């Protein structure tokens, strides 16, 4: 994520900043524990969640293929576009490994 001035904000910083307003209320983590939670979220949970979302997006895109293909140029172009979307999302997913 980038800010309005073009600086990049790391996932760790975004999570830490999101947790800060919660400190002192019902949600309190000692500083060392907060760091461990941020690390766990950014190294394990969020990347896995992203992979799950991308896989779900691929399945949703595959559901858009035309099954009653009339072999018209428009239908072929549409199915090619769906195939391109599936490939693009798949490339994002492959980049995660």
PDB file of N, CA and C in Angstrom:
ATOM      1  N   UNK A   1       0.847  -1.169   0.000  1.00  0.00           N
ATOM      2  CA  UNK A   1       0.000   0.000   0.000  1.00  0.00           C
ATOM      3  C   UNK A   1       0.892   1.231   0.000  1.00  0.00           C
ATOM      4  N   UNK A   2       0.456   2.272  -0.715  1.00  0.00           N
ATOM      5  CA  UNK A   2       1.211   3.511  -0.740  1.00  0.00           C
ATOM      6  C   UNK A   2       0.354   4.641  -0.180  1.00  0.00           C
ATOM      7  N   UNK A   3       1.022   5.613   0.407  1.00  0.00           N
ATOM      8  CA  UNK A   3       0.333   6.774   0.951  1.00  0.00           C
ATOM      9  C   UNK A   3       0.155   7.813  -0.136  1.00  0.00           C
ATOM     10  N   UNK A   4      -0.519   8.911   0.209  1.00  0.00           N
ATOM     11  CA  UNK A   4      -0.759   9.961  -0.784  1.00  0.00           C
ATOM     12  C   UNK A   4       0.541  10.624  -1.241  1.00  0.00           C
ATOM     13  N   UNK A   5       1.593  10.541  -0.416  1.00  0.00           N
ATOM     14  CA  UNK A   5       2.868  11.126  -0.828  1.00  0.00           C
ATOM     15  C   UNK A   5       3.763  10.118  -1.542  1.00  0.00           C
ATOM     16  N   UNK A   6       3.251   8.923  -1.810  1.00  0.00           N
ATOM     17  CA  UNK A   6       3.984   7.921  -2.572  1.00  0.00           C
ATOM     18  C   UNK A   6       4.827   6.971  -1.742  1.00  0.00           C
ATOM     19  N   UNK A   7       4.838   7.145  -0.423  1.00  0.00           N
ATOM     20  CA  UNK A   7       5.613   6.250   0.441  1.00  0.00           C
ATOM     21  C   UNK A   7       4.913   4.896   0.542  1.00  0.00           C
ATOM     22  N   UNK A   8       5.699   3.852   0.658  1.00  0.00           N
ATOM     23  CA  UNK A   8       5.143   2.507   0.797  1.00  0.00           C
ATOM     24  C   UNK A   8       4.996   2.159   2.275  1.00  0.00           C
ATOM     25  N   UNK A   9       3.841   1.604   2.624  1.00  0.00           N
ATOM     26  CA  UNK A   9       3.580   1.186   4.001  1.00  0.00           C
ATOM     27  C   UNK A   9       3.584  -0.325   4.026  1.00  0.00           C
ATOM     28  N   UNK A  10       4.387  -0.902   4.902  1.00  0.00           N
ATOM     29  CA  UNK A  10       4.474  -2.362   4.986  1.00  0.00           C
ATOM     30  C   UNK A  10       3.215  -2.927   5.642  1.00  0.00           C
ATOM     31  N   UNK A  11       2.894  -4.194   5.358  1.00  0.00           N
ATOM     32  CA  UNK A  11       1.760  -4.822   6.032  1.00  0.00           C
ATOM     33  C   UNK A  11       1.929  -4.801   7.553  1.00  0.00           C
ATOM     34  N   UNK A  12       3.151  -4.973   8.027  1.00  0.00           N
ATOM     35  CA  UNK A  12       3.393  -4.951   9.467  1.00  0.00           C
ATOM     36  C   UNK A  12       2.983  -3.608  10.061  1.00  0.00           C
ATOM     37  N   UNK A  13       3.370  -2.525   9.404  1.00  0.00           N
ATOM     38  CA  UNK A  13       3.036  -1.192   9.898  1.00  0.00           C
ATOM     39  C   UNK A  13       1.535  -0.966   9.867  1.00  0.00           C
ATOM     40  N   UNK A  14       0.876  -1.379   8.789  1.00  0.00           N
ATOM     41  CA  UNK A  14      -0.580  -1.203   8.695  1.00  0.00           C
ATOM     42  C   UNK A  14      -1.294  -1.959   9.806  1.00  0.00           C
ATOM     43  N   UNK A  15      -0.865  -3.186  10.094  1.00  0.00           N
ATOM     44  CA  UNK A  15      -1.505  -3.970  11.151  1.00  0.00           C
ATOM     45  C   UNK A  15      -1.216  -3.344  12.510  1.00  0.00           C
ATOM     46  N   UNK A  16       0.025  -2.961  12.742  1.00  0.00           N
ATOM     47  CA  UNK A  16       0.384  -2.339  14.019  1.00  0.00           C
ATOM     48  C   UNK A  16      -0.449  -1.085  14.243  1.00  0.00           C
ATOM     49  N   UNK A  17      -0.587  -0.252  13.216  1.00  0.00           N
ATOM     50  CA  UNK A  17      -1.383   0.966  13.330  1.00  0.00           C
ATOM     51  C   UNK A  17      -2.864   0.651  13.552  1.00  0.00           C
ATOM     52  N   UNK A  18      -3.339  -0.429  12.967  1.00  0.00           N
ATOM     53  CA  UNK A  18      -4.739  -0.820  13.172  1.00  0.00           C
ATOM     54  C   UNK A  18      -4.977  -1.320  14.590  1.00  0.00           C
ATOM     55  N   UNK A  19      -3.978  -1.952  15.199  1.00  0.00           N
ATOM     56  CA  UNK A  19      -4.122  -2.468  16.564  1.00  0.00           C
ATOM     57  C   UNK A  19      -4.013  -1.372  17.618  1.00  0.00           C
ATOM     58  N   UNK A  20      -3.289  -0.308  17.329  1.00  0.00           N
ATOM     59  CA  UNK A  20      -3.028   0.725  18.337  1.00  0.00           C
ATOM     60  C   UNK A  20      -4.287   1.312  18.963  1.00  0.00           C
ATOM     61  N   UNK A  21      -5.323   1.677  18.199  1.00  0.00           N
ATOM     62  CA  UNK A  21      -6.512   2.252  18.846  1.00  0.00           C
ATOM     63  C   UNK A  21      -7.237   1.262  19.760  1.00  0.00           C
ATOM     64  N   UNK A  22      -6.998  -0.016  19.560  1.00  0.00           N
ATOM     65  CA  UNK A  22      -7.673  -1.026  20.373  1.00  0.00           C
ATOM     66  C   UNK A  22      -7.001  -1.236  21.722  1.00  0.00           C
ATOM     67  N   UNK A  23      -5.762  -0.818  21.841  1.00  0.00           N
ATOM     68  CA  UNK A  23      -5.016  -1.004  23.078  1.00  0.00           C
ATOM     69  C   UNK A  23      -5.709  -0.252  24.216  1.00  0.00           C
ATOM     70  N   UNK A  24      -5.797  -0.898  25.369  1.00  0.00           N
ATOM     71  CA  UNK A  24      -6.359  -0.257  26.543  1.00  0.00           C
ATOM     72  C   UNK A  24      -7.850  -0.509  26.720  1.00  0.00           C
ATOM     73  N   UNK A  25      -8.547  -0.920  25.678  1.00  0.00           N
ATOM     74  CA  UNK A  25      -9.966  -1.241  25.800  1.00  0.00           C
ATOM     75  C   UNK A  25     -10.113  -2.714  26.160  1.00  0.00           C
ATOM     76  N   UNK A  26     -11.011  -3.381  25.498  1.00  0.00           N
ATOM     77  CA  UNK A  26     -11.185  -4.814  25.716  1.00  0.00           C
ATOM     78  C   UNK A  26     -10.013  -5.612  25.161  1.00  0.00           C
ATOM     79  N   UNK A  27      -9.261  -4.984  24.317  1.00  0.00           N
ATOM     80  CA  UNK A  27      -8.178  -5.659  23.612  1.00  0.00           C
ATOM     81  C   UNK A  27      -6.862  -5.069  24.090  1.00  0.00           C
ATOM     82  N   UNK A  28      -6.099  -5.831  24.816  1.00  0.00           N
ATOM     83  CA  UNK A  28      -4.802  -5.341  25.293  1.00  0.00           C
ATOM     84  C   UNK A  28      -3.759  -6.428  25.108  1.00  0.00           C
ATOM     85  N   UNK A  29      -2.692  -6.050  24.445  1.00  0.00           N
ATOM     86  CA  UNK A  29      -1.579  -6.971  24.257  1.00  0.00           C
ATOM     87  C   UNK A  29      -0.313  -6.314  24.778  1.00  0.00           C
ATOM     88  N   UNK A  30       0.467  -7.034  25.553  1.00  0.00           N
ATOM     89  CA  UNK A  30       1.771  -6.488  25.933  1.00  0.00           C
ATOM     90  C   UNK A  30       2.599  -6.262  24.667  1.00  0.00           C
ATOM     91  N   UNK A  31       3.545  -5.293  24.704  1.00  0.00           N
ATOM     92  CA  UNK A  31       4.317  -4.961  23.496  1.00  0.00           C
ATOM     93  C   UNK A  31       4.945  -6.167  22.795  1.00  0.00           C
ATOM     94  N   UNK A  32       5.546  -7.093  23.527  1.00  0.00           N
ATOM     95  CA  UNK A  32       6.153  -8.258  22.892  1.00  0.00           C
ATOM     96  C   UNK A  32       5.129  -9.145  22.218  1.00  0.00           C
ATOM     97  N   UNK A  33       3.981  -9.276  22.838  1.00  0.00           N
ATOM     98  CA  UNK A  33       2.911 -10.098  22.270  1.00  0.00           C
ATOM     99  C   UNK A  33       2.332  -9.432  21.032  1.00  0.00           C
ATOM    100  N   UNK A  34       2.202  -8.105  21.084  1.00  0.00           N
ATOM    101  CA  UNK A  34       1.688  -7.383  19.925  1.00  0.00           C
ATOM    102  C   UNK A  34       2.601  -7.615  18.728  1.00  0.00           C
ATOM    103  N   UNK A  35       3.903  -7.567  18.934  1.00  0.00           N
ATOM    104  CA  UNK A  35       4.850  -7.811  17.844  1.00  0.00           C
ATOM    105  C   UNK A  35       4.678  -9.222  17.299  1.00  0.00           C
ATOM    106  N   UNK A  36       4.490 -10.199  18.178  1.00  0.00           N
ATOM    107  CA  UNK A  36       4.301 -11.586  17.746  1.00  0.00           C
ATOM    108  C   UNK A  36       3.010 -11.739  16.941  1.00  0.00           C
ATOM    109  N   UNK A  37       1.960 -11.050  17.365  1.00  0.00           N
ATOM    110  CA  UNK A  37       0.679 -11.113  16.643  1.00  0.00           C
ATOM    111  C   UNK A  37       0.846 -10.500  15.249  1.00  0.00           C
ATOM    112  N   UNK A  38       1.503  -9.356  15.185  1.00  0.00           N
ATOM    113  CA  UNK A  38       1.734  -8.697  13.890  1.00  0.00           C
ATOM    114  C   UNK A  38       2.539  -9.612  12.970  1.00  0.00           C
ATOM    115  N   UNK A  39       3.590 -10.214  13.502  1.00  0.00           N
ATOM    116  CA  UNK A  39       4.414 -11.127  12.697  1.00  0.00           C
ATOM    117  C   UNK A  39       3.602 -12.316  12.204  1.00  0.00           C
ATOM    118  N   UNK A  40       2.807 -12.913  13.077  1.00  0.00           N
ATOM    119  CA  UNK A  40       1.989 -14.077  12.704  1.00  0.00           C
ATOM    120  C   UNK A  40       0.995 -13.709  11.612  1.00  0.00           C
ATOM    121  N   UNK A  41       0.348 -12.552  11.782  1.00  0.00           N
ATOM    122  CA  UNK A  41      -0.627 -12.111  10.783  1.00  0.00           C
ATOM    123  C   UNK A  41       0.029 -11.873   9.432  1.00  0.00           C
ATOM    124  N   UNK A  42       1.167 -11.188   9.433  1.00  0.00           N
ATOM    125  CA  UNK A  42       1.776 -10.798   8.159  1.00  0.00           C
ATOM    126  C   UNK A  42       2.555 -11.919   7.493  1.00  0.00           C
ATOM    127  N   UNK A  43       3.068 -12.864   8.253  1.00  0.00           N
ATOM    128  CA  UNK A  43       3.867 -13.924   7.624  1.00  0.00           C
ATOM    129  C   UNK A  43       3.070 -15.182   7.327  1.00  0.00           C
ATOM    130  N   UNK A  44       1.999 -15.422   8.068  1.00  0.00           N
ATOM    131  CA  UNK A  44       1.254 -16.669   7.883  1.00  0.00           C
ATOM    132  C   UNK A  44      -0.192 -16.449   7.453  1.00  0.00           C
ATOM    133  N   UNK A  45      -0.940 -15.752   8.273  1.00  0.00           N
ATOM    134  CA  UNK A  45      -2.382 -15.686   8.060  1.00  0.00           C
ATOM    135  C   UNK A  45      -2.784 -14.860   6.844  1.00  0.00           C
ATOM    136  N   UNK A  46      -2.249 -13.656   6.701  1.00  0.00           N
ATOM    137  CA  UNK A  46      -2.648 -12.826   5.558  1.00  0.00           C
ATOM    138  C   UNK A  46      -2.209 -13.400   4.219  1.00  0.00           C
ATOM    139  N   UNK A  47      -0.974 -13.906   4.092  1.00  0.00           N
ATOM    140  CA  UNK A  47      -0.615 -14.520   2.803  1.00  0.00           C
ATOM    141  C   UNK A  47      -1.510 -15.720   2.452  1.00  0.00           C
ATOM    142  N   UNK A  48      -1.844 -16.536   3.442  1.00  0.00           N
ATOM    143  CA  UNK A  48      -2.730 -17.674   3.174  1.00  0.00           C
ATOM    144  C   UNK A  48      -4.117 -17.186   2.781  1.00  0.00           C
ATOM    145  N   UNK A  49      -4.594 -16.161   3.453  1.00  0.00           N
ATOM    146  CA  UNK A  49      -5.898 -15.591   3.108  1.00  0.00           C
ATOM    147  C   UNK A  49      -5.882 -15.070   1.666  1.00  0.00           C
ATOM    148  N   UNK A  50      -4.799 -14.405   1.276  1.00  0.00           N
ATOM    149  CA  UNK A  50      -4.683 -13.892  -0.094  1.00  0.00           C
ATOM    150  C   UNK A  50      -4.711 -15.039  -1.102  1.00  0.00           C
ATOM    151  N   UNK A  51      -3.991 -16.112  -0.803  1.00  0.00           N
ATOM    152  CA  UNK A  51      -4.005 -17.279  -1.709  1.00  0.00           C
ATOM    153  C   UNK A  51      -5.419 -17.849  -1.817  1.00  0.00           C
ATOM    154  N   UNK A  52      -6.128 -17.925  -0.701  1.00  0.00           N
ATOM    155  CA  UNK A  52      -7.498 -18.445  -0.711  1.00  0.00           C
ATOM    156  C   UNK A  52      -8.413 -17.554  -1.548  1.00  0.00           C
ATOM    157  N   UNK A  53      -8.262 -16.241  -1.398  1.00  0.00           N
ATOM    158  CA  UNK A  53      -9.100 -15.301  -2.159  1.00  0.00           C
ATOM    159  C   UNK A  53      -8.792 -15.395  -3.653  1.00  0.00           C
ATOM    160  N   UNK A  54      -7.513 -15.489  -4.007  1.00  0.00           N
ATOM    161  CA  UNK A  54      -7.156 -15.614  -5.417  1.00  0.00           C
ATOM    162  C   UNK A  54      -7.688 -16.917  -6.010  1.00  0.00           C
ATOM    163  N   UNK A  55      -7.604 -18.007  -5.255  1.00  0.00           N
ATOM    164  CA  UNK A  55      -8.144 -19.284  -5.738  1.00  0.00           C
ATOM    165  C   UNK A  55      -9.656 -19.181  -5.933  1.00  0.00           C
ATOM    166  N   UNK A  56     -10.319 -18.501  -5.022  1.00  0.00           N
ATOM    167  CA  UNK A  56     -11.764 -18.299  -5.145  1.00  0.00           C
ATOM    168  C   UNK A  56     -12.091 -17.439  -6.368  1.00  0.00           C
ATOM    169  N   UNK A  57     -11.268 -16.440  -6.624  1.00  0.00           N
ATOM    170  CA  UNK A  57     -11.477 -15.583  -7.802  1.00  0.00           C
ATOM    171  C   UNK A  57     -11.301 -16.381  -9.094  1.00  0.00           C
ATOM    172  N   UNK A  58     -10.336 -17.288  -9.118  1.00  0.00           N
ATOM    173  CA  UNK A  58     -10.139 -18.134 -10.299  1.00  0.00           C
ATOM    174  C   UNK A  58     -11.376 -18.984 -10.547  1.00  0.00           C
ATOM    175  N   UNK A  59     -11.906 -19.580  -9.495  1.00  0.00           N
ATOM    176  CA  UNK A  59     -13.110 -20.409  -9.655  1.00  0.00           C
ATOM    177  C   UNK A  59     -14.294 -19.572 -10.126  1.00  0.00           C
ATOM    178  N   UNK A  60     -14.429 -18.372  -9.596  1.00  0.00           N
ATOM    179  CA  UNK A  60     -15.521 -17.494 -10.027  1.00  0.00           C
ATOM    180  C   UNK A  60     -15.364 -17.120 -11.499  1.00  0.00           C
ATOM    181  N   UNK A  61     -14.143 -16.814 -11.905  1.00  0.00           N
ATOM    182  CA  UNK A  61     -13.908 -16.461 -13.306  1.00  0.00           C
ATOM    183  C   UNK A  61     -14.187 -17.645 -14.218  1.00  0.00           C
ATOM    184  N   UNK A  62     -13.781 -18.831 -13.799  1.00  0.00           N
ATOM    185  CA  UNK A  62     -14.042 -20.026 -14.628  1.00  0.00           C
ATOM    186  C   UNK A  62     -15.534 -20.256 -14.819  1.00  0.00           C
ATOM    187  N   UNK A  63     -16.324 -19.824 -13.850  1.00  0.00           N
ATOM    188  CA  UNK A  63     -17.782 -19.955 -13.973  1.00  0.00           C
ATOM    189  C   UNK A  63     -18.375 -19.065 -15.047  1.00  0.00           C
ATOM    190  N   UNK A  64     -17.580 -18.159 -15.576  1.00  0.00           N
ATOM    191  CA  UNK A  64     -18.055 -17.237 -16.615  1.00  0.00           C
ATOM    192  C   UNK A  64     -17.863 -17.762 -18.031  1.00  0.00           C
ATOM    193  N   UNK A  65     -17.183 -18.905 -18.179  1.00  0.00           N
ATOM    194  CA  UNK A  65     -17.042 -19.467 -19.528  1.00  0.00           C
ATOM    195  C   UNK A  65     -18.409 -19.735 -20.120  1.00  0.00           C
ATOM    196  N   UNK A  66     -18.532 -19.485 -21.415  1.00  0.00           N
ATOM    197  CA  UNK A  66     -19.769 -19.813 -22.126  1.00  0.00           C
ATOM    198  C   UNK A  66     -19.793 -21.311 -22.393  1.00  0.00           C
ATOM    199  N   UNK A  67     -20.861 -21.955 -21.985  1.00  0.00           N
ATOM    200  CA  UNK A  67     -20.974 -23.404 -22.195  1.00  0.00           C
ATOM    201  C   UNK A  67     -21.774 -23.728 -23.449  1.00  0.00           C
ATOM    202  N   UNK A  68     -22.630 -22.821 -23.852  1.00  0.00           N
ATOM    203  CA  UNK A  68     -23.389 -23.001 -25.085  1.00  0.00           C
ATOM    204  C   UNK A  68     -22.691 -22.224 -26.193  1.00  0.00           C
ATOM    205  N   UNK A  69     -21.457 -22.584 -26.437  1.00  0.00           N
ATOM    206  CA  UNK A  69     -20.622 -21.873 -27.413  1.00  0.00           C
ATOM    207  C   UNK A  69     -21.226 -22.030 -28.806  1.00  0.00           C
ATOM    208  N   UNK A  70     -21.489 -20.905 -29.428  1.00  0.00           N
ATOM    209  CA  UNK A  70     -22.067 -20.932 -30.782  1.00  0.00           C
ATOM    210  C   UNK A  70     -20.997 -20.829 -31.852  1.00  0.00           C
ATOM    211  N   UNK A  71     -19.723 -20.802 -31.431  1.00  0.00           N
ATOM    212  CA  UNK A  71     -18.580 -20.716 -32.332  1.00  0.00           C
ATOM    213  C   UNK A  71     -18.548 -19.403 -33.107  1.00  0.00           C
ATOM    214  N   UNK A  72     -19.246 -18.403 -32.602  1.00  0.00           N
ATOM    215  CA  UNK A  72     -19.166 -17.085 -33.231  1.00  0.00           C
ATOM    216  C   UNK A  72     -17.871 -16.420 -32.781  1.00  0.00           C
ATOM    217  N   UNK A  73     -17.371 -15.483 -33.545  1.00  0.00           N
ATOM    218  CA  UNK A  73     -16.163 -14.766 -33.127  1.00  0.00           C
ATOM    219  C   UNK A  73     -16.348 -14.074 -31.765  1.00  0.00           C
ATOM    220  N   UNK A  74     -17.563 -13.591 -31.518  1.00  0.00           N
ATOM    221  CA  UNK A  74     -17.830 -12.918 -30.241  1.00  0.00           C
ATOM    222  C   UNK A  74     -17.726 -13.897 -29.070  1.00  0.00           C
ATOM    223  N   UNK A  75     -18.289 -15.092 -29.237  1.00  0.00           N
ATOM    224  CA  UNK A  75     -18.215 -16.103 -28.178  1.00  0.00           C
ATOM    225  C   UNK A  75     -16.779 -16.564 -27.957  1.00  0.00           C
ATOM    226  N   UNK A  76     -16.058 -16.745 -29.035  1.00  0.00           N
ATOM    227  CA  UNK A  76     -14.659 -17.153 -28.912  1.00  0.00           C
ATOM    228  C   UNK A  76     -13.838 -16.065 -28.221  1.00  0.00           C
ATOM    229  N   UNK A  77     -14.095 -14.813 -28.571  1.00  0.00           N
ATOM    230  CA  UNK A  77     -13.379 -13.694 -27.945  1.00  0.00           C
ATOM    231  C   UNK A  77     -13.730 -13.602 -26.460  1.00  0.00           C
ATOM    232  N   UNK A  78     -14.997 -13.816 -26.137  1.00  0.00           N
ATOM    233  CA  UNK A  78     -15.427 -13.764 -24.736  1.00  0.00           C
ATOM    234  C   UNK A  78     -14.725 -14.861 -23.934  1.00  0.00           C
ATOM    235  N   UNK A  79     -14.755 -16.080 -24.442  1.00  0.00           N
ATOM    236  CA  UNK A  79     -14.099 -17.186 -23.734  1.00  0.00           C
ATOM    237  C   UNK A  79     -12.588 -16.972 -23.637  1.00  0.00           C
ATOM    238  N   UNK A  80     -11.992 -16.360 -24.655  1.00  0.00           N
ATOM    239  CA  UNK A  80     -10.562 -16.053 -24.590  1.00  0.00           C
ATOM    240  C   UNK A  80     -10.296 -15.022 -23.501  1.00  0.00           C
ATOM    241  N   UNK A  81     -11.184 -14.033 -23.394  1.00  0.00           N
ATOM    242  CA  UNK A  81     -11.026 -13.017 -22.342  1.00  0.00           C
ATOM    243  C   UNK A  81     -11.148 -13.654 -20.960  1.00  0.00           C
ATOM    244  N   UNK A  82     -12.092 -14.554 -20.797  1.00  0.00           N
ATOM    245  CA  UNK A  82     -12.228 -15.257 -19.515  1.00  0.00           C
ATOM    246  C   UNK A  82     -10.957 -16.053 -19.238  1.00  0.00           C
ATOM    247  N   UNK A  83     -10.438 -16.720 -20.248  1.00  0.00           N
ATOM    248  CA  UNK A  83      -9.207 -17.484 -20.099  1.00  0.00           C
ATOM    249  C   UNK A  83      -8.045 -16.576 -19.699  1.00  0.00           C
ATOM    250  N   UNK A  84      -7.979 -15.389 -20.290  1.00  0.00           N
ATOM    251  CA  UNK A  84      -6.925 -14.434 -19.951  1.00  0.00           C
ATOM    252  C   UNK A  84      -7.049 -13.970 -18.500  1.00  0.00           C
ATOM    253  N   UNK A  85      -8.271 -13.754 -18.045  1.00  0.00           N
ATOM    254  CA  UNK A  85      -8.491 -13.351 -16.644  1.00  0.00           C
ATOM    255  C   UNK A  85      -8.043 -14.466 -15.709  1.00  0.00           C
ATOM    256  N   UNK A  86      -8.423 -15.699 -16.009  1.00  0.00           N
ATOM    257  CA  UNK A  86      -8.015 -16.838 -15.180  1.00  0.00           C
ATOM    258  C   UNK A  86      -6.491 -16.929 -15.137  1.00  0.00           C
ATOM    259  N   UNK A  87      -5.849 -16.749 -16.277  1.00  0.00           N
ATOM    260  CA  UNK A  87      -4.387 -16.815 -16.331  1.00  0.00           C
ATOM    261  C   UNK A  87      -3.747 -15.680 -15.527  1.00  0.00           C
ATOM    262  N   UNK A  88      -4.320 -14.482 -15.612  1.00  0.00           N
ATOM    263  CA  UNK A  88      -3.756 -13.340 -14.876  1.00  0.00           C
ATOM    264  C   UNK A  88      -3.884 -13.546 -13.368  1.00  0.00           C
ATOM    265  N   UNK A  89      -5.022 -14.027 -12.925  1.00  0.00           N
ATOM    266  CA  UNK A  89      -5.198 -14.294 -11.490  1.00  0.00           C
ATOM    267  C   UNK A  89      -4.295 -15.446 -11.083  1.00  0.00           C
ATOM    268  N   UNK A  90      -4.167 -16.448 -11.937  1.00  0.00           N
ATOM    269  CA  UNK A  90      -3.269 -17.564 -11.654  1.00  0.00           C
ATOM    270  C   UNK A  90      -1.824 -17.110 -11.517  1.00  0.00           C
ATOM    271  N   UNK A  91      -1.420 -16.127 -12.328  1.00  0.00           N
ATOM    272  CA  UNK A  91      -0.057 -15.597 -12.218  1.00  0.00           C
ATOM    273  C   UNK A  91       0.166 -14.913 -10.883  1.00  0.00           C
ATOM    274  N   UNK A  92      -0.845 -14.214 -10.389  1.00  0.00           N
ATOM    275  CA  UNK A  92      -0.751 -13.622  -9.055  1.00  0.00           C
ATOM    276  C   UNK A  92      -0.603 -14.705  -7.997  1.00  0.00           C
ATOM    277  N   UNK A  93      -1.363 -15.767  -8.158  1.00  0.00           N
ATOM    278  CA  UNK A  93      -1.300 -16.879  -7.212  1.00  0.00           C
ATOM    279  C   UNK A  93       0.052 -17.567  -7.267  1.00  0.00           C
ATOM    280  N   UNK A  94       0.601 -17.753  -8.462  1.00  0.00           N
ATOM    281  CA  UNK A  94       1.921 -18.379  -8.594  1.00  0.00           C
ATOM    282  C   UNK A  94       3.002 -17.517  -7.976  1.00  0.00           C
ATOM    283  N   UNK A  95       2.846 -16.207  -8.039  1.00  0.00           N
ATOM    284  CA  UNK A  95       3.812 -15.303  -7.446  1.00  0.00           C
ATOM    285  C   UNK A  95       3.862 -15.380  -5.939  1.00  0.00           C
ATOM    286  N   UNK A  96       2.871 -16.007  -5.336  1.00  0.00           N
ATOM    287  CA  UNK A  96       2.792 -16.160  -3.886  1.00  0.00           C
ATOM    288  C   UNK A  96       3.666 -17.279  -3.374  1.00  0.00           C
ATOM    289  N   UNK A  97       4.036 -18.211  -4.221  1.00  0.00           N
ATOM    290  CA  UNK A  97       4.761 -19.404  -3.753  1.00  0.00           C
ATOM    291  C   UNK A  97       6.209 -19.124  -3.505  1.00  0.00           C
TER     292      UNK A  97
END
